[in-house]
Amino acid sequence: MFNRLAAGLLAGASIAAIAAPAEAGTSRPVRWNTGGAVWTTTSSEFKTFFETGEITDRALAAGISNSGWTAEEIQEGMTKSYAVDIVGVSRFLYSEDGVKFLKDQTRSYFPYWKMKSTAVVALRSAIIADAVDGSISSAGIMAELPVDFRLADTCGTYDGAQNVCAPDRCEGDAQCTSLLSWYVFLPACVQANSQLPEPAPRQTYTPPARPLW
């Protein structure tokens, strides 16, 4: 009980820290930043795609085209749910390994204004917020992003590539580096890294044998 309370407090602190200047659930989860140009795909455009498969935004269409997957595969992959325990998710994301994971997972995708300085906190808060109900998905994590995020491809500073967390499961450069492919794999990797250890089996009591005399 104490561990769950502590995890809840940590989750709340994480969300509050990054969400102070803006409400959680930004309306612009992906701003495609190429050179000096910025194309924005809004949360409502993603929601339409997730619910109906309809693509109503040119930048989203390009992102899907460059993902290495079909639109149907991206739609299915980003709406698939993974069962998690909020305690395990919090423990992992606040651990040394978890922070390394979050840094690696925000190679070119990070908050629009604060960029790398708040990348770990922002992504962690979104994952934990989505995990509160016991499941996570790519669409759920995206919906909980507390601020605008950009995918940066800016003339050598950032290359627009993401580190897909399961490099042995993706095929080709597009699947292994694109933003939408990264989103497809993210919740499964969080689930795998946040598994709580199985409780030790209870010892059964065996009474001593009664003597015959």
N, C-alpha and C. Protein backbone atom coordinates (compact mmCIF):
# COMPACT_ATOMS: atom_id res chain seq x y z
N MET A 1 0.84 -1.20 0.00
CA MET A 1 0.00 0.00 0.00
C MET A 1 0.87 1.25 0.00
N PHE A 2 1.93 1.24 0.81
CA PHE A 2 2.82 2.41 0.88
C PHE A 2 3.49 2.64 -0.47
N ASN A 3 3.94 1.54 -1.12
CA ASN A 3 4.61 1.70 -2.40
C ASN A 3 3.69 2.31 -3.45
N ARG A 4 2.42 1.89 -3.44
CA ARG A 4 1.48 2.45 -4.40
C ARG A 4 1.23 3.93 -4.13
N LEU A 5 1.13 4.30 -2.86
CA LEU A 5 0.94 5.70 -2.51
C LEU A 5 2.15 6.52 -2.93
N ALA A 6 3.35 5.99 -2.67
CA ALA A 6 4.57 6.71 -3.05
C ALA A 6 4.65 6.88 -4.55
N ALA A 7 4.29 5.81 -5.30
CA ALA A 7 4.31 5.91 -6.76
C ALA A 7 3.32 6.97 -7.24
N GLY A 8 2.15 7.01 -6.60
CA GLY A 8 1.17 8.01 -6.98
C GLY A 8 1.65 9.43 -6.74
N LEU A 9 2.33 9.63 -5.61
CA LEU A 9 2.88 10.95 -5.31
C LEU A 9 3.95 11.34 -6.30
N LEU A 10 4.81 10.37 -6.66
CA LEU A 10 5.85 10.64 -7.65
C LEU A 10 5.24 11.00 -8.99
N ALA A 11 4.21 10.25 -9.38
CA ALA A 11 3.55 10.53 -10.65
C ALA A 11 2.94 11.93 -10.64
N GLY A 12 2.28 12.27 -9.53
CA GLY A 12 1.68 13.59 -9.43
C GLY A 12 2.70 14.69 -9.48
N ALA A 13 3.83 14.47 -8.80
CA ALA A 13 4.89 15.47 -8.80
C ALA A 13 5.46 15.66 -10.19
N SER A 14 5.62 14.54 -10.93
CA SER A 14 6.16 14.63 -12.28
C SER A 14 5.24 15.43 -13.18
N ILE A 15 3.95 15.11 -13.14
CA ILE A 15 2.99 15.80 -13.99
C ILE A 15 2.90 17.28 -13.63
N ALA A 16 2.87 17.57 -12.34
CA ALA A 16 2.75 18.97 -11.91
C ALA A 16 3.96 19.78 -12.32
N ALA A 17 5.15 19.16 -12.26
CA ALA A 17 6.37 19.90 -12.56
C ALA A 17 6.40 20.38 -13.99
N ILE A 18 5.93 19.51 -14.93
CA ILE A 18 6.04 19.90 -16.33
C ILE A 18 4.79 20.62 -16.81
N ALA A 19 3.64 20.38 -16.14
CA ALA A 19 2.39 20.93 -16.64
C ALA A 19 2.07 22.31 -16.09
N ALA A 20 2.95 22.86 -15.27
CA ALA A 20 2.66 24.16 -14.66
C ALA A 20 2.35 25.24 -15.68
N PRO A 21 3.15 25.37 -16.77
CA PRO A 21 2.85 26.44 -17.71
C PRO A 21 1.75 26.12 -18.70
N ALA A 22 1.28 24.85 -18.76
CA ALA A 22 0.25 24.48 -19.72
C ALA A 22 -0.50 23.27 -19.21
N GLU A 23 -1.77 23.16 -19.59
CA GLU A 23 -2.56 22.03 -19.16
C GLU A 23 -2.05 20.76 -19.83
N ALA A 24 -2.15 19.63 -19.08
CA ALA A 24 -1.79 18.35 -19.67
C ALA A 24 -2.74 18.07 -20.81
N GLY A 25 -2.22 17.44 -21.84
CA GLY A 25 -3.05 17.15 -23.00
C GLY A 25 -2.94 18.26 -24.03
N THR A 26 -1.75 18.48 -24.56
CA THR A 26 -1.57 19.53 -25.56
C THR A 26 -2.39 19.23 -26.80
N SER A 27 -2.83 20.26 -27.48
CA SER A 27 -3.59 20.08 -28.71
C SER A 27 -2.68 19.94 -29.92
N ARG A 28 -1.36 20.07 -29.70
CA ARG A 28 -0.40 19.96 -30.80
C ARG A 28 0.72 18.98 -30.40
N PRO A 29 0.41 17.68 -30.44
CA PRO A 29 1.40 16.70 -29.97
C PRO A 29 2.56 16.48 -30.92
N VAL A 30 2.40 16.81 -32.20
CA VAL A 30 3.51 16.65 -33.14
C VAL A 30 3.61 17.88 -34.02
N ARG A 31 4.76 18.54 -33.90
CA ARG A 31 5.07 19.66 -34.79
C ARG A 31 6.30 19.24 -35.58
N TRP A 32 6.10 18.99 -36.84
CA TRP A 32 7.15 18.46 -37.71
C TRP A 32 8.06 19.61 -38.11
N ASN A 33 9.23 19.69 -37.50
CA ASN A 33 10.15 20.82 -37.64
C ASN A 33 11.30 20.45 -38.58
N THR A 34 11.21 20.89 -39.84
CA THR A 34 12.24 20.60 -40.83
C THR A 34 12.88 21.90 -41.27
N GLY A 35 14.16 22.08 -40.93
CA GLY A 35 14.81 23.35 -41.22
C GLY A 35 14.09 24.47 -40.51
N GLY A 36 13.63 25.46 -41.25
CA GLY A 36 12.89 26.56 -40.65
C GLY A 36 11.39 26.40 -40.75
N ALA A 37 10.93 25.32 -41.37
CA ALA A 37 9.49 25.11 -41.56
C ALA A 37 8.92 24.23 -40.45
N VAL A 38 7.67 24.50 -40.08
CA VAL A 38 6.99 23.72 -39.05
C VAL A 38 5.58 23.38 -39.54
N TRP A 39 5.29 22.08 -39.63
CA TRP A 39 3.95 21.60 -39.92
C TRP A 39 3.39 21.00 -38.65
N THR A 40 2.15 21.28 -38.34
CA THR A 40 1.55 20.80 -37.09
C THR A 40 0.43 19.81 -37.37
N THR A 41 0.48 18.66 -36.67
CA THR A 41 -0.64 17.73 -36.66
C THR A 41 -1.28 17.82 -35.29
N THR A 42 -2.55 18.17 -35.24
CA THR A 42 -3.23 18.41 -33.97
C THR A 42 -3.75 17.11 -33.37
N SER A 43 -4.09 17.18 -32.09
CA SER A 43 -4.63 16.01 -31.40
C SER A 43 -5.96 15.57 -32.02
N SER A 44 -6.76 16.52 -32.49
CA SER A 44 -8.04 16.15 -33.11
C SER A 44 -7.83 15.42 -34.43
N GLU A 45 -6.79 15.78 -35.16
CA GLU A 45 -6.48 15.08 -36.41
C GLU A 45 -5.98 13.67 -36.14
N PHE A 46 -5.18 13.51 -35.09
CA PHE A 46 -4.77 12.16 -34.69
C PHE A 46 -5.97 11.36 -34.23
N LYS A 47 -6.86 11.97 -33.45
CA LYS A 47 -8.03 11.26 -32.92
C LYS A 47 -8.91 10.77 -34.07
N THR A 48 -9.12 11.59 -35.07
CA THR A 48 -9.90 11.17 -36.23
C THR A 48 -9.26 9.97 -36.90
N PHE A 49 -7.95 10.01 -37.06
CA PHE A 49 -7.24 8.90 -37.69
C PHE A 49 -7.35 7.63 -36.85
N PHE A 50 -7.15 7.75 -35.53
CA PHE A 50 -7.21 6.58 -34.66
C PHE A 50 -8.60 5.95 -34.66
N GLU A 51 -9.65 6.77 -34.70
CA GLU A 51 -11.01 6.26 -34.58
C GLU A 51 -11.60 5.79 -35.90
N THR A 52 -11.23 6.44 -36.99
CA THR A 52 -11.86 6.11 -38.28
C THR A 52 -10.88 5.67 -39.36
N GLY A 53 -9.61 5.95 -39.18
CA GLY A 53 -8.63 5.65 -40.22
C GLY A 53 -8.51 6.76 -41.25
N GLU A 54 -9.35 7.79 -41.15
CA GLU A 54 -9.31 8.90 -42.10
C GLU A 54 -8.13 9.82 -41.79
N ILE A 55 -7.39 10.19 -42.82
CA ILE A 55 -6.24 11.08 -42.68
C ILE A 55 -6.64 12.46 -43.20
N THR A 56 -6.72 13.42 -42.31
CA THR A 56 -7.22 14.75 -42.67
C THR A 56 -6.11 15.81 -42.65
N ASP A 57 -4.87 15.39 -42.50
CA ASP A 57 -3.76 16.34 -42.37
C ASP A 57 -2.61 15.90 -43.27
N ARG A 58 -2.07 16.83 -44.04
CA ARG A 58 -1.00 16.51 -44.98
C ARG A 58 0.28 16.05 -44.28
N ALA A 59 0.60 16.68 -43.14
CA ALA A 59 1.81 16.29 -42.42
C ALA A 59 1.67 14.88 -41.85
N LEU A 60 0.48 14.54 -41.35
CA LEU A 60 0.25 13.19 -40.84
C LEU A 60 0.36 12.18 -41.98
N ALA A 61 -0.18 12.51 -43.14
CA ALA A 61 -0.07 11.62 -44.29
C ALA A 61 1.38 11.36 -44.64
N ALA A 62 2.20 12.41 -44.59
CA ALA A 62 3.62 12.26 -44.89
C ALA A 62 4.32 11.42 -43.82
N GLY A 63 3.94 11.65 -42.55
CA GLY A 63 4.53 10.87 -41.46
C GLY A 63 4.22 9.39 -41.60
N ILE A 64 2.99 9.07 -41.98
CA ILE A 64 2.62 7.67 -42.18
C ILE A 64 3.37 7.09 -43.37
N SER A 65 3.44 7.86 -44.46
CA SER A 65 4.12 7.40 -45.66
C SER A 65 5.59 7.10 -45.39
N ASN A 66 6.21 7.85 -44.49
CA ASN A 66 7.62 7.69 -44.18
C ASN A 66 7.88 6.78 -42.98
N SER A 67 6.83 6.11 -42.48
CA SER A 67 6.98 5.32 -41.26
C SER A 67 7.48 3.90 -41.48
N GLY A 68 7.36 3.41 -42.71
CA GLY A 68 7.71 2.02 -42.96
C GLY A 68 6.56 1.07 -42.73
N TRP A 69 5.38 1.60 -42.36
CA TRP A 69 4.19 0.80 -42.11
C TRP A 69 3.04 1.34 -42.94
N THR A 70 2.01 0.54 -43.13
CA THR A 70 0.80 1.04 -43.78
C THR A 70 0.01 1.88 -42.79
N ALA A 71 -0.94 2.65 -43.30
CA ALA A 71 -1.78 3.46 -42.42
C ALA A 71 -2.56 2.56 -41.47
N GLU A 72 -3.04 1.43 -41.95
CA GLU A 72 -3.79 0.50 -41.09
C GLU A 72 -2.91 -0.06 -39.98
N GLU A 73 -1.66 -0.35 -40.29
CA GLU A 73 -0.75 -0.87 -39.27
C GLU A 73 -0.43 0.18 -38.21
N ILE A 74 -0.24 1.44 -38.64
CA ILE A 74 0.01 2.52 -37.68
C ILE A 74 -1.22 2.73 -36.81
N GLN A 75 -2.39 2.75 -37.42
CA GLN A 75 -3.63 2.93 -36.66
C GLN A 75 -3.79 1.83 -35.61
N GLU A 76 -3.60 0.59 -36.02
CA GLU A 76 -3.74 -0.54 -35.09
C GLU A 76 -2.66 -0.51 -34.02
N GLY A 77 -1.41 -0.25 -34.43
CA GLY A 77 -0.31 -0.26 -33.48
C GLY A 77 -0.40 0.84 -32.44
N MET A 78 -0.87 2.01 -32.83
CA MET A 78 -0.91 3.13 -31.90
C MET A 78 -2.13 3.11 -30.99
N THR A 79 -3.12 2.29 -31.31
CA THR A 79 -4.29 2.18 -30.44
C THR A 79 -4.30 0.90 -29.62
N LYS A 80 -3.32 0.04 -29.82
CA LYS A 80 -3.23 -1.21 -29.05
C LYS A 80 -2.87 -0.90 -27.60
N SER A 81 -3.56 -1.54 -26.66
CA SER A 81 -3.33 -1.31 -25.22
C SER A 81 -2.43 -2.40 -24.63
N TYR A 82 -1.63 -1.99 -23.65
CA TYR A 82 -0.73 -2.91 -22.94
C TYR A 82 -0.99 -2.77 -21.44
N ALA A 83 -1.23 -3.89 -20.78
CA ALA A 83 -1.49 -3.87 -19.34
C ALA A 83 -0.20 -3.57 -18.58
N VAL A 84 -0.27 -2.64 -17.63
CA VAL A 84 0.89 -2.27 -16.82
C VAL A 84 0.45 -2.05 -15.38
N ASP A 85 1.41 -2.01 -14.49
CA ASP A 85 1.19 -1.65 -13.09
C ASP A 85 1.81 -0.29 -12.86
N ILE A 86 1.04 0.66 -12.35
CA ILE A 86 1.55 2.02 -12.17
C ILE A 86 2.78 2.05 -11.28
N VAL A 87 2.85 1.14 -10.30
CA VAL A 87 4.03 1.08 -9.43
C VAL A 87 5.26 0.69 -10.24
N GLY A 88 5.13 -0.35 -11.06
CA GLY A 88 6.26 -0.79 -11.88
C GLY A 88 6.70 0.26 -12.87
N VAL A 89 5.73 0.93 -13.50
CA VAL A 89 6.05 1.99 -14.46
C VAL A 89 6.80 3.12 -13.78
N SER A 90 6.30 3.56 -12.62
CA SER A 90 6.95 4.66 -11.90
C SER A 90 8.35 4.28 -11.45
N ARG A 91 8.49 3.08 -10.89
CA ARG A 91 9.82 2.64 -10.45
C ARG A 91 10.81 2.65 -11.59
N PHE A 92 10.38 2.11 -12.73
CA PHE A 92 11.30 2.06 -13.87
C PHE A 92 11.66 3.45 -14.36
N LEU A 93 10.68 4.30 -14.59
CA LEU A 93 10.94 5.60 -15.22
C LEU A 93 11.69 6.56 -14.31
N TYR A 94 11.65 6.34 -12.99
CA TYR A 94 12.43 7.17 -12.06
C TYR A 94 13.77 6.55 -11.73
N SER A 95 14.04 5.34 -12.19
CA SER A 95 15.32 4.68 -11.91
C SER A 95 16.40 5.22 -12.85
N GLU A 96 17.64 4.89 -12.54
CA GLU A 96 18.75 5.31 -13.40
C GLU A 96 18.59 4.76 -14.81
N ASP A 97 18.20 3.49 -14.91
CA ASP A 97 17.98 2.89 -16.23
C ASP A 97 16.81 3.56 -16.94
N GLY A 98 15.78 3.92 -16.18
CA GLY A 98 14.62 4.57 -16.78
C GLY A 98 14.94 5.93 -17.34
N VAL A 99 15.76 6.69 -16.63
CA VAL A 99 16.16 8.02 -17.12
C VAL A 99 17.00 7.87 -18.40
N LYS A 100 17.88 6.88 -18.41
CA LYS A 100 18.66 6.62 -19.64
C LYS A 100 17.74 6.26 -20.80
N PHE A 101 16.74 5.45 -20.50
CA PHE A 101 15.76 5.06 -21.52
C PHE A 101 15.05 6.29 -22.07
N LEU A 102 14.58 7.17 -21.19
CA LEU A 102 13.85 8.35 -21.63
C LEU A 102 14.73 9.30 -22.43
N LYS A 103 15.98 9.44 -22.04
CA LYS A 103 16.91 10.28 -22.81
C LYS A 103 17.12 9.70 -24.20
N ASP A 104 17.27 8.38 -24.27
CA ASP A 104 17.47 7.72 -25.55
C ASP A 104 16.21 7.85 -26.42
N GLN A 105 15.04 7.82 -25.80
CA GLN A 105 13.79 7.86 -26.54
C GLN A 105 13.36 9.26 -26.97
N THR A 106 14.11 10.26 -26.57
CA THR A 106 13.80 11.64 -26.99
C THR A 106 14.97 12.21 -27.80
N ARG A 107 15.47 11.40 -28.69
CA ARG A 107 16.61 11.81 -29.53
C ARG A 107 16.29 13.04 -30.38
N SER A 108 15.18 12.99 -31.10
CA SER A 108 14.79 14.12 -31.97
C SER A 108 13.38 14.61 -31.70
N TYR A 109 12.70 13.99 -30.73
CA TYR A 109 11.30 14.33 -30.42
C TYR A 109 11.24 14.78 -28.97
N PHE A 110 10.93 16.05 -28.77
CA PHE A 110 11.00 16.63 -27.43
C PHE A 110 10.14 17.90 -27.39
N PRO A 111 9.95 18.48 -26.19
CA PRO A 111 9.10 19.68 -26.09
C PRO A 111 9.53 20.79 -27.05
N TYR A 112 8.54 21.45 -27.64
CA TYR A 112 8.81 22.44 -28.67
C TYR A 112 9.65 23.60 -28.16
N TRP A 113 9.31 24.11 -26.97
CA TRP A 113 9.98 25.31 -26.48
C TRP A 113 11.21 25.00 -25.63
N LYS A 114 11.10 24.12 -24.67
CA LYS A 114 12.21 23.83 -23.76
C LYS A 114 13.16 22.78 -24.32
N MET A 115 12.72 22.06 -25.31
CA MET A 115 13.55 21.07 -26.01
C MET A 115 14.13 20.03 -25.05
N LYS A 116 15.42 19.77 -25.13
CA LYS A 116 16.03 18.68 -24.36
C LYS A 116 15.97 18.90 -22.86
N SER A 117 15.89 20.14 -22.41
CA SER A 117 15.96 20.41 -20.97
C SER A 117 14.78 19.83 -20.21
N THR A 118 13.64 19.64 -20.87
CA THR A 118 12.48 19.07 -20.18
C THR A 118 11.99 17.79 -20.85
N ALA A 119 12.77 17.23 -21.76
CA ALA A 119 12.33 16.07 -22.53
C ALA A 119 12.02 14.87 -21.65
N VAL A 120 12.93 14.55 -20.72
CA VAL A 120 12.74 13.39 -19.85
C VAL A 120 11.51 13.55 -18.99
N VAL A 121 11.37 14.69 -18.34
CA VAL A 121 10.24 14.93 -17.45
C VAL A 121 8.92 14.91 -18.21
N ALA A 122 8.89 15.51 -19.40
CA ALA A 122 7.65 15.59 -20.16
C ALA A 122 7.18 14.22 -20.64
N LEU A 123 8.10 13.44 -21.20
CA LEU A 123 7.70 12.13 -21.69
C LEU A 123 7.34 11.21 -20.52
N ARG A 124 8.10 11.29 -19.44
CA ARG A 124 7.80 10.47 -18.26
C ARG A 124 6.42 10.80 -17.71
N SER A 125 6.09 12.07 -17.62
CA SER A 125 4.79 12.45 -17.07
C SER A 125 3.65 11.93 -17.94
N ALA A 126 3.83 11.94 -19.27
CA ALA A 126 2.79 11.45 -20.17
C ALA A 126 2.59 9.95 -20.01
N ILE A 127 3.68 9.21 -19.91
CA ILE A 127 3.58 7.75 -19.77
C ILE A 127 2.91 7.40 -18.44
N ILE A 128 3.33 8.04 -17.36
CA ILE A 128 2.77 7.74 -16.05
C ILE A 128 1.29 8.13 -16.00
N ALA A 129 0.95 9.27 -16.57
CA ALA A 129 -0.46 9.69 -16.57
C ALA A 129 -1.33 8.69 -17.32
N ASP A 130 -0.81 8.15 -18.41
CA ASP A 130 -1.59 7.17 -19.17
C ASP A 130 -1.67 5.83 -18.44
N ALA A 131 -0.68 5.53 -17.59
CA ALA A 131 -0.62 4.24 -16.90
C ALA A 131 -1.50 4.16 -15.67
N VAL A 132 -2.07 5.27 -15.24
CA VAL A 132 -2.84 5.30 -14.00
C VAL A 132 -3.99 4.30 -14.00
N ASP A 133 -4.62 4.09 -15.16
CA ASP A 133 -5.76 3.17 -15.23
C ASP A 133 -5.35 1.72 -15.47
N GLY A 134 -4.05 1.44 -15.45
CA GLY A 134 -3.58 0.07 -15.59
C GLY A 134 -3.28 -0.37 -17.00
N SER A 135 -3.31 0.54 -17.95
CA SER A 135 -2.95 0.20 -19.33
C SER A 135 -2.37 1.42 -20.02
N ILE A 136 -1.56 1.17 -21.03
CA ILE A 136 -0.98 2.27 -21.81
C ILE A 136 -1.09 1.94 -23.30
N SER A 137 -1.06 2.97 -24.10
CA SER A 137 -1.04 2.83 -25.55
C SER A 137 -0.30 4.02 -26.12
N SER A 138 0.10 3.91 -27.37
CA SER A 138 0.75 5.05 -28.01
C SER A 138 -0.19 6.25 -28.07
N ALA A 139 -1.43 6.00 -28.45
CA ALA A 139 -2.41 7.09 -28.53
C ALA A 139 -2.64 7.71 -27.17
N GLY A 140 -2.69 6.87 -26.12
CA GLY A 140 -2.89 7.38 -24.77
C GLY A 140 -1.74 8.23 -24.28
N ILE A 141 -0.52 7.79 -24.54
CA ILE A 141 0.67 8.56 -24.15
C ILE A 141 0.68 9.90 -24.88
N MET A 142 0.41 9.86 -26.18
CA MET A 142 0.38 11.10 -26.95
C MET A 142 -0.66 12.07 -26.40
N ALA A 143 -1.83 11.55 -26.02
CA ALA A 143 -2.90 12.41 -25.50
C ALA A 143 -2.53 13.05 -24.17
N GLU A 144 -1.58 12.47 -23.44
CA GLU A 144 -1.18 13.00 -22.13
C GLU A 144 0.05 13.89 -22.19
N LEU A 145 0.60 14.11 -23.37
CA LEU A 145 1.76 15.00 -23.45
C LEU A 145 1.39 16.36 -22.88
N PRO A 146 2.16 16.88 -21.92
CA PRO A 146 1.76 18.12 -21.25
C PRO A 146 2.03 19.39 -22.04
N VAL A 147 2.88 19.30 -23.06
CA VAL A 147 3.22 20.48 -23.86
C VAL A 147 3.38 20.05 -25.31
N ASP A 148 3.44 21.03 -26.22
CA ASP A 148 3.71 20.74 -27.62
C ASP A 148 5.05 20.02 -27.75
N PHE A 149 5.09 19.01 -28.62
CA PHE A 149 6.34 18.32 -28.93
C PHE A 149 6.69 18.56 -30.39
N ARG A 150 7.98 18.64 -30.69
CA ARG A 150 8.43 18.77 -32.07
C ARG A 150 9.27 17.56 -32.45
N LEU A 151 9.19 17.19 -33.71
CA LEU A 151 10.16 16.25 -34.28
C LEU A 151 11.13 17.10 -35.08
N ALA A 152 12.36 17.20 -34.57
CA ALA A 152 13.31 18.17 -35.11
C ALA A 152 14.28 17.55 -36.12
N ASP A 153 14.30 18.15 -37.30
CA ASP A 153 15.27 17.83 -38.34
C ASP A 153 15.82 19.17 -38.80
N THR A 154 16.86 19.62 -38.10
CA THR A 154 17.26 21.03 -38.24
C THR A 154 18.71 21.19 -38.65
N CYS A 155 18.98 20.88 -39.89
CA CYS A 155 20.26 21.21 -40.51
C CYS A 155 21.47 20.72 -39.71
N GLY A 156 21.46 19.48 -39.30
CA GLY A 156 22.63 18.90 -38.64
C GLY A 156 22.57 18.87 -37.13
N THR A 157 21.82 19.78 -36.50
CA THR A 157 21.72 19.77 -35.03
C THR A 157 20.94 18.55 -34.57
N TYR A 158 19.78 18.32 -35.19
CA TYR A 158 18.98 17.12 -34.96
C TYR A 158 18.62 16.56 -36.33
N ASP A 159 18.57 15.24 -36.43
CA ASP A 159 18.40 14.62 -37.74
C ASP A 159 16.99 14.09 -38.00
N GLY A 160 16.06 14.32 -37.06
CA GLY A 160 14.70 13.86 -37.27
C GLY A 160 14.48 12.38 -37.06
N ALA A 161 15.52 11.68 -36.62
CA ALA A 161 15.42 10.24 -36.40
C ALA A 161 15.18 9.94 -34.93
N GLN A 162 14.36 8.94 -34.67
CA GLN A 162 14.11 8.47 -33.33
C GLN A 162 14.76 7.10 -33.11
N ASN A 163 15.12 6.82 -31.85
CA ASN A 163 15.68 5.52 -31.51
C ASN A 163 14.53 4.57 -31.14
N VAL A 164 14.06 3.81 -32.10
CA VAL A 164 12.99 2.85 -31.83
C VAL A 164 13.51 1.86 -30.79
N CYS A 165 12.72 1.65 -29.74
CA CYS A 165 13.21 0.92 -28.57
C CYS A 165 13.34 -0.59 -28.77
N ALA A 166 12.88 -1.10 -29.89
CA ALA A 166 13.03 -2.54 -30.17
C ALA A 166 13.69 -2.71 -31.54
N PRO A 167 14.97 -2.39 -31.65
CA PRO A 167 15.65 -2.42 -32.95
C PRO A 167 15.67 -3.80 -33.59
N ASP A 168 15.50 -4.86 -32.78
CA ASP A 168 15.49 -6.21 -33.33
C ASP A 168 14.12 -6.58 -33.92
N ARG A 169 13.12 -5.73 -33.71
CA ARG A 169 11.77 -6.01 -34.19
C ARG A 169 11.38 -5.16 -35.40
N CYS A 170 12.17 -4.14 -35.73
CA CYS A 170 11.85 -3.29 -36.87
C CYS A 170 12.72 -3.68 -38.07
N GLU A 171 12.25 -3.32 -39.25
CA GLU A 171 12.95 -3.66 -40.49
C GLU A 171 13.12 -2.41 -41.34
N GLY A 172 14.36 -2.11 -41.68
CA GLY A 172 14.61 -0.98 -42.55
C GLY A 172 14.72 0.33 -41.81
N ASP A 173 15.30 1.30 -42.48
CA ASP A 173 15.56 2.59 -41.85
C ASP A 173 14.29 3.29 -41.41
N ALA A 174 13.23 3.23 -42.23
CA ALA A 174 11.99 3.94 -41.89
C ALA A 174 11.37 3.38 -40.62
N GLN A 175 11.21 2.07 -40.53
CA GLN A 175 10.61 1.47 -39.34
C GLN A 175 11.47 1.69 -38.10
N CYS A 176 12.78 1.75 -38.27
CA CYS A 176 13.68 1.82 -37.12
C CYS A 176 14.03 3.23 -36.69
N THR A 177 13.57 4.24 -37.43
CA THR A 177 13.92 5.62 -37.05
C THR A 177 12.74 6.60 -37.10
N SER A 178 11.64 6.26 -37.72
CA SER A 178 10.55 7.23 -37.90
C SER A 178 9.77 7.45 -36.61
N LEU A 179 9.16 8.60 -36.49
CA LEU A 179 8.42 8.96 -35.28
C LEU A 179 7.23 8.03 -35.03
N LEU A 180 6.43 7.78 -36.04
CA LEU A 180 5.23 6.98 -35.83
C LEU A 180 5.57 5.52 -35.54
N SER A 181 6.63 5.01 -36.13
CA SER A 181 7.09 3.66 -35.78
C SER A 181 7.59 3.64 -34.35
N TRP A 182 8.30 4.68 -33.93
CA TRP A 182 8.76 4.81 -32.55
C TRP A 182 7.57 4.76 -31.59
N TYR A 183 6.51 5.47 -31.93
CA TYR A 183 5.31 5.48 -31.09
C TYR A 183 4.70 4.08 -31.00
N VAL A 184 4.68 3.35 -32.11
CA VAL A 184 4.09 2.00 -32.11
C VAL A 184 4.80 1.10 -31.10
N PHE A 185 6.12 1.19 -31.02
CA PHE A 185 6.89 0.29 -30.16
C PHE A 185 6.98 0.75 -28.71
N LEU A 186 6.82 2.06 -28.45
CA LEU A 186 7.07 2.62 -27.12
C LEU A 186 6.32 1.93 -25.99
N PRO A 187 4.99 1.77 -26.05
CA PRO A 187 4.29 1.19 -24.89
C PRO A 187 4.70 -0.24 -24.58
N ALA A 188 5.00 -1.04 -25.61
CA ALA A 188 5.44 -2.42 -25.38
C ALA A 188 6.76 -2.44 -24.64
N CYS A 189 7.66 -1.52 -24.97
CA CYS A 189 8.96 -1.46 -24.29
C CYS A 189 8.80 -1.02 -22.84
N VAL A 190 7.90 -0.06 -22.61
CA VAL A 190 7.64 0.35 -21.23
C VAL A 190 7.07 -0.81 -20.43
N GLN A 191 6.13 -1.53 -21.02
CA GLN A 191 5.55 -2.69 -20.34
C GLN A 191 6.63 -3.71 -19.98
N ALA A 192 7.51 -4.02 -20.94
CA ALA A 192 8.54 -5.03 -20.71
C ALA A 192 9.52 -4.61 -19.63
N ASN A 193 9.82 -3.32 -19.55
CA ASN A 193 10.81 -2.84 -18.58
C ASN A 193 10.23 -2.56 -17.20
N SER A 194 8.92 -2.58 -17.08
CA SER A 194 8.30 -2.20 -15.80
C SER A 194 7.64 -3.37 -15.09
N GLN A 195 7.95 -4.58 -15.52
CA GLN A 195 7.36 -5.75 -14.88
C GLN A 195 7.83 -5.84 -13.43
N LEU A 196 6.89 -6.00 -12.53
CA LEU A 196 7.24 -6.18 -11.12
C LEU A 196 7.63 -7.63 -10.88
N PRO A 197 8.58 -7.87 -9.96
CA PRO A 197 8.96 -9.26 -9.68
C PRO A 197 7.79 -10.03 -9.08
N GLU A 198 7.74 -11.30 -9.42
CA GLU A 198 6.70 -12.15 -8.85
C GLU A 198 6.93 -12.32 -7.35
N PRO A 199 5.86 -12.24 -6.54
CA PRO A 199 6.06 -12.44 -5.11
C PRO A 199 6.56 -13.84 -4.80
N ALA A 200 7.40 -13.93 -3.79
CA ALA A 200 7.94 -15.23 -3.40
C ALA A 200 6.80 -16.12 -2.92
N PRO A 201 6.84 -17.41 -3.28
CA PRO A 201 5.76 -18.31 -2.83
C PRO A 201 5.74 -18.44 -1.32
N ARG A 202 4.55 -18.50 -0.76
CA ARG A 202 4.43 -18.61 0.70
C ARG A 202 4.88 -19.99 1.15
N GLN A 203 5.61 -20.00 2.24
CA GLN A 203 6.06 -21.26 2.80
C GLN A 203 4.88 -21.97 3.47
N THR A 204 4.68 -23.21 3.14
CA THR A 204 3.61 -23.98 3.79
C THR A 204 4.15 -24.61 5.07
N TYR A 205 3.34 -24.55 6.08
CA TYR A 205 3.75 -25.10 7.38
C TYR A 205 3.45 -26.59 7.45
N THR A 206 4.48 -27.35 7.75
CA THR A 206 4.33 -28.79 7.93
C THR A 206 4.59 -29.13 9.38
N PRO A 207 3.57 -29.55 10.11
CA PRO A 207 3.78 -29.85 11.52
C PRO A 207 4.69 -31.05 11.69
N PRO A 208 5.49 -31.05 12.77
CA PRO A 208 6.39 -32.21 12.99
C PRO A 208 5.58 -33.47 13.22
N ALA A 209 6.18 -34.59 12.81
CA ALA A 209 5.50 -35.88 13.02
C ALA A 209 5.36 -36.18 14.50
N ARG A 210 4.20 -36.73 14.88
CA ARG A 210 3.99 -37.08 16.28
C ARG A 210 4.74 -38.37 16.61
N PRO A 211 5.44 -38.37 17.72
CA PRO A 211 6.15 -39.62 18.08
C PRO A 211 5.17 -40.75 18.38
N LEU A 212 5.62 -41.94 18.24
CA LEU A 212 4.78 -43.11 18.49
C LEU A 212 4.73 -43.48 19.97
N TRP A 213 5.54 -42.87 20.79
CA TRP A 213 5.51 -43.21 22.24
C TRP A 213 5.10 -42.03 23.08
